[in-house]
Amino acid sequence: MKYILLNDLSFFRKKFLKKFILYCIALIGSFNVLKLTNGYMNFDIFYNTIGINYSNDLGSIEKLLCIFNILFYFYLSLELFTKELKNGVENIFLRINTKKFIINKLISISIITILINIIIYILFLYLFIINKILISNILIVFLKNIIYVLTLQFSIIIVYMFSKNNKCILFLLMLFIFMFNNRILINIINTKIIYLILVLIFILWFIVMYFKKNYFNLFEK
């Protein structure tokens, strides 16, 4: 576990850190645009900025931000998941079995995603504190947001495994999520956390079982 996590963190620092910084800058810039457009500053603007929206009435900027956030996490999860797949099978599974590898990999992706979100939330909380804006239910929102993001990431990993030789499937899933993302978010917001966790656990279980049986086909020849 420690080796995979440290390896992924090193990969993130070398290959993804600049992209993450640009992502944060884009979020802050978008937040300021929405603040100026709406003429006020509150948590609804923050939710719109990070792709969480409680309303069906999304403006053009909010829709673009929703797609932007989804693409960022799709890209992050696929980069972390596939970087070992570019090596030969024998280079990995001499040291670790398939089940332990995929479990540790999913944990590593989860930890990095949580760390990213903690940084983003701290950054925006600071903006709200210095502007003396009331903060409420932020922990619940954070937990549901994490579960939503991880569900998206692991769903795209499942589709990647199914669509290794058929990129059309990957495109169709992305299109589906873009079209129904707001409805998914509203369902998540109105759902108890325990049910969300159970869904996430089922997705994780499915990935582990599928990878154990089909891992050889996922590696680049």
Protein backbone atom coordinates (compact mmCIF):
# COMPACT_ATOMS: atom_id res chain seq x y z
CA MET A 1 0.00 0.00 0.00
CA LYS A 2 2.72 2.42 1.03
CA TYR A 3 4.71 1.87 -2.18
CA ILE A 4 1.72 2.42 -4.48
CA LEU A 5 0.56 5.53 -2.62
CA LEU A 6 4.04 7.07 -2.55
CA ASN A 7 4.49 6.21 -6.22
CA ASP A 8 1.16 7.85 -7.11
CA LEU A 9 1.95 10.91 -4.99
CA SER A 10 5.32 11.21 -6.75
CA PHE A 11 3.56 10.89 -10.13
CA PHE A 12 1.05 13.55 -9.08
CA ARG A 13 3.82 15.92 -7.98
CA LYS A 14 5.86 15.48 -11.17
CA LYS A 15 3.13 15.15 -13.79
CA PHE A 16 -0.05 16.63 -12.32
CA LEU A 17 0.81 19.33 -9.79
CA LYS A 18 1.00 22.15 -12.34
CA LYS A 19 -2.34 21.05 -13.80
CA PHE A 20 -3.85 21.05 -10.31
CA ILE A 21 -2.55 24.56 -9.63
CA LEU A 22 -4.06 25.75 -12.92
CA TYR A 23 -7.29 23.99 -11.97
CA CYS A 24 -7.40 25.87 -8.64
CA ILE A 25 -6.67 29.17 -10.40
CA ALA A 26 -9.49 28.45 -12.86
CA LEU A 27 -11.88 27.70 -9.98
CA ILE A 28 -11.01 30.91 -8.16
CA GLY A 29 -11.34 32.92 -11.38
CA SER A 30 -14.70 31.31 -12.13
CA PHE A 31 -15.83 31.94 -8.55
CA ASN A 32 -15.06 35.65 -8.91
CA VAL A 33 -16.88 35.79 -12.27
CA LEU A 34 -19.98 34.19 -10.73
CA LYS A 35 -19.74 36.55 -7.74
CA LEU A 36 -19.63 39.59 -10.01
CA THR A 37 -22.40 38.20 -12.24
CA ASN A 38 -24.72 37.51 -9.30
CA GLY A 39 -23.74 40.62 -7.35
CA TYR A 40 -23.24 38.75 -4.07
CA MET A 41 -21.09 36.07 -2.43
CA ASN A 42 -22.53 32.94 -0.81
CA PHE A 43 -22.11 29.17 -0.70
CA ASP A 44 -24.35 28.61 -3.71
CA ILE A 45 -21.67 30.26 -5.84
CA PHE A 46 -19.08 27.93 -4.30
CA TYR A 47 -21.26 24.90 -5.09
CA ASN A 48 -21.62 26.08 -8.69
CA THR A 49 -17.87 26.64 -8.97
CA ILE A 50 -16.90 23.11 -7.91
CA GLY A 51 -19.67 21.52 -9.98
CA ILE A 52 -22.25 20.96 -7.23
CA ASN A 53 -25.56 22.60 -7.99
CA TYR A 54 -28.78 22.24 -6.03
CA SER A 55 -30.96 23.86 -8.68
CA ASN A 56 -32.29 22.65 -12.01
CA ASP A 57 -31.87 26.16 -13.43
CA LEU A 58 -28.23 26.08 -14.48
CA GLY A 59 -26.73 28.99 -16.38
CA SER A 60 -24.17 28.58 -19.17
CA ILE A 61 -21.20 29.27 -16.88
CA GLU A 62 -22.42 26.77 -14.30
CA LYS A 63 -22.90 24.07 -16.95
CA LEU A 64 -19.38 24.66 -18.26
CA LEU A 65 -17.99 24.47 -14.72
CA CYS A 66 -19.86 21.24 -14.14
CA ILE A 67 -18.29 19.70 -17.26
CA PHE A 68 -14.89 21.18 -16.39
CA ASN A 69 -14.90 19.60 -12.92
CA ILE A 70 -16.04 16.21 -14.24
CA LEU A 71 -13.30 16.21 -16.90
CA PHE A 72 -10.66 17.10 -14.31
CA TYR A 73 -11.55 14.15 -12.08
CA PHE A 74 -11.96 11.81 -15.04
CA TYR A 75 -8.50 12.76 -16.25
CA LEU A 76 -6.98 12.42 -12.78
CA SER A 77 -8.43 8.98 -12.10
CA LEU A 78 -7.54 7.56 -15.52
CA GLU A 79 -4.00 8.92 -15.35
CA LEU A 80 -3.44 7.37 -11.92
CA PHE A 81 -5.15 4.11 -12.82
CA THR A 82 -3.48 3.51 -16.19
CA LYS A 83 0.10 4.54 -15.47
CA GLU A 84 1.05 1.02 -14.31
CA LEU A 85 -0.89 -0.56 -17.15
CA LYS A 86 1.68 0.82 -19.58
CA ASN A 87 4.23 -1.59 -18.13
CA GLY A 88 4.35 -5.33 -18.67
CA VAL A 89 2.35 -7.59 -16.38
CA GLU A 90 5.50 -9.30 -15.20
CA ASN A 91 6.92 -5.99 -13.95
CA ILE A 92 4.12 -5.58 -11.40
CA PHE A 93 2.77 -8.92 -10.29
CA LEU A 94 6.10 -10.41 -9.36
CA ARG A 95 5.92 -8.19 -6.28
CA ILE A 96 2.18 -8.13 -5.51
CA ASN A 97 -0.91 -10.17 -6.38
CA THR A 98 -3.71 -8.73 -8.52
CA LYS A 99 -6.26 -8.34 -5.72
CA LYS A 100 -3.89 -6.53 -3.41
CA PHE A 101 -2.67 -4.33 -6.26
CA ILE A 102 -6.11 -3.12 -7.36
CA ILE A 103 -7.33 -2.57 -3.77
CA ASN A 104 -4.22 -0.53 -2.96
CA LYS A 105 -4.53 1.39 -6.22
CA LEU A 106 -8.16 2.34 -5.50
CA ILE A 107 -7.25 3.40 -1.96
CA SER A 108 -4.41 5.50 -3.35
CA ILE A 109 -6.70 7.23 -5.86
CA SER A 110 -9.20 7.88 -3.06
CA ILE A 111 -6.58 9.40 -0.75
CA ILE A 112 -5.24 11.71 -3.47
CA THR A 113 -8.78 12.77 -4.41
CA ILE A 114 -9.64 13.51 -0.77
CA LEU A 115 -6.43 15.52 -0.32
CA ILE A 116 -7.23 17.54 -3.44
CA ASN A 117 -10.71 18.31 -2.15
CA ILE A 118 -9.44 19.23 1.30
CA ILE A 119 -7.09 21.78 -0.30
CA ILE A 120 -9.93 23.20 -2.43
CA TYR A 121 -12.34 23.46 0.51
CA ILE A 122 -9.72 25.08 2.75
CA LEU A 123 -8.93 27.56 -0.01
CA PHE A 124 -12.56 28.60 -0.41
CA LEU A 125 -13.30 28.50 3.30
CA TYR A 126 -10.53 31.03 3.76
CA LEU A 127 -12.18 33.29 1.18
CA PHE A 128 -15.51 33.03 3.03
CA ILE A 129 -13.97 33.62 6.44
CA ILE A 130 -12.13 36.80 5.40
CA ASN A 131 -15.37 38.03 3.81
CA LYS A 132 -17.31 37.12 7.00
CA ILE A 133 -19.74 34.80 5.22
CA LEU A 134 -21.72 32.36 7.39
CA ILE A 135 -20.63 28.72 6.96
CA SER A 136 -23.11 25.91 7.65
CA ASN A 137 -23.28 22.15 6.99
CA ILE A 138 -19.91 22.29 5.25
CA LEU A 139 -18.80 18.88 6.58
CA ILE A 140 -21.90 17.10 5.24
CA VAL A 141 -21.50 18.83 1.87
CA PHE A 142 -17.81 17.86 1.82
CA LEU A 143 -18.55 14.19 2.58
CA LYS A 144 -21.27 13.96 -0.06
CA ASN A 145 -19.06 15.75 -2.57
CA ILE A 146 -16.23 13.28 -1.92
CA ILE A 147 -18.56 10.32 -2.39
CA TYR A 148 -19.93 11.86 -5.59
CA VAL A 149 -16.45 12.50 -7.01
CA LEU A 150 -15.17 9.03 -6.09
CA THR A 151 -18.27 7.45 -7.60
CA LEU A 152 -17.63 9.34 -10.84
CA GLN A 153 -13.97 8.36 -10.85
CA PHE A 154 -14.53 4.69 -10.18
CA SER A 155 -17.41 4.57 -12.68
CA ILE A 156 -15.10 5.88 -15.40
CA ILE A 157 -12.51 3.26 -14.39
CA ILE A 158 -15.14 0.54 -14.85
CA VAL A 159 -16.04 1.92 -18.26
CA TYR A 160 -12.34 2.13 -19.16
CA MET A 161 -11.90 -1.55 -18.31
CA PHE A 162 -14.92 -2.49 -20.42
CA SER A 163 -13.96 -0.19 -23.29
CA LYS A 164 -10.24 -0.95 -23.52
CA ASN A 165 -10.73 -1.70 -27.22
CA ASN A 166 -13.82 0.40 -27.75
CA LYS A 167 -13.41 4.10 -26.93
CA CYS A 168 -16.97 4.78 -28.11
CA ILE A 169 -18.31 3.34 -24.83
CA LEU A 170 -16.13 5.75 -22.86
CA PHE A 171 -17.43 8.69 -24.88
CA LEU A 172 -21.06 7.62 -24.42
CA LEU A 173 -20.70 7.41 -20.64
CA MET A 174 -19.15 10.86 -20.49
CA LEU A 175 -22.00 12.22 -22.62
CA PHE A 176 -24.56 10.54 -20.35
CA ILE A 177 -23.00 12.03 -17.22
CA PHE A 178 -22.86 15.51 -18.77
CA MET A 179 -26.55 15.30 -19.70
CA PHE A 180 -27.82 13.98 -16.37
CA ASN A 181 -25.19 15.25 -13.96
CA ASN A 182 -27.45 17.80 -12.25
CA ARG A 183 -30.14 15.17 -11.68
CA ILE A 184 -27.51 12.83 -10.23
CA LEU A 185 -26.30 15.59 -7.92
CA ILE A 186 -29.80 16.37 -6.65
CA ASN A 187 -30.36 12.67 -5.92
CA ILE A 188 -27.04 12.50 -4.07
CA ILE A 189 -27.81 15.61 -2.03
CA ASN A 190 -31.17 14.20 -0.97
CA THR A 191 -29.80 10.74 -0.16
CA LYS A 192 -28.53 9.61 3.24
CA ILE A 193 -24.75 9.21 3.39
CA ILE A 194 -24.99 5.54 4.44
CA TYR A 195 -26.75 4.65 1.18
CA LEU A 196 -24.15 6.54 -0.84
CA ILE A 197 -21.37 4.68 0.95
CA LEU A 198 -23.04 1.34 0.19
CA VAL A 199 -23.26 2.22 -3.52
CA LEU A 200 -19.59 3.23 -3.52
CA ILE A 201 -18.59 -0.02 -1.79
CA PHE A 202 -20.48 -2.02 -4.43
CA ILE A 203 -18.66 -0.16 -7.23
CA LEU A 204 -15.31 -0.82 -5.54
CA TRP A 205 -16.15 -4.52 -5.12
CA PHE A 206 -17.08 -4.77 -8.80
CA ILE A 207 -13.80 -3.17 -9.91
CA VAL A 208 -11.77 -5.56 -7.75
CA MET A 209 -13.61 -8.65 -9.03
CA TYR A 210 -13.44 -7.58 -12.68
CA PHE A 211 -9.77 -6.64 -12.48
CA LYS A 212 -8.82 -9.98 -10.91
CA LYS A 213 -10.36 -11.88 -13.82
CA ASN A 214 -9.43 -9.55 -16.70
CA TYR A 215 -6.26 -7.72 -15.63
CA PHE A 216 -4.11 -9.24 -18.37
CA ASN A 217 -6.24 -7.69 -21.14
CA LEU A 218 -5.87 -4.22 -19.61
CA PHE A 219 -2.12 -4.01 -19.99
CA GLU A 220 -0.68 -2.43 -23.11
CA LYS A 221 0.91 -4.97 -25.40
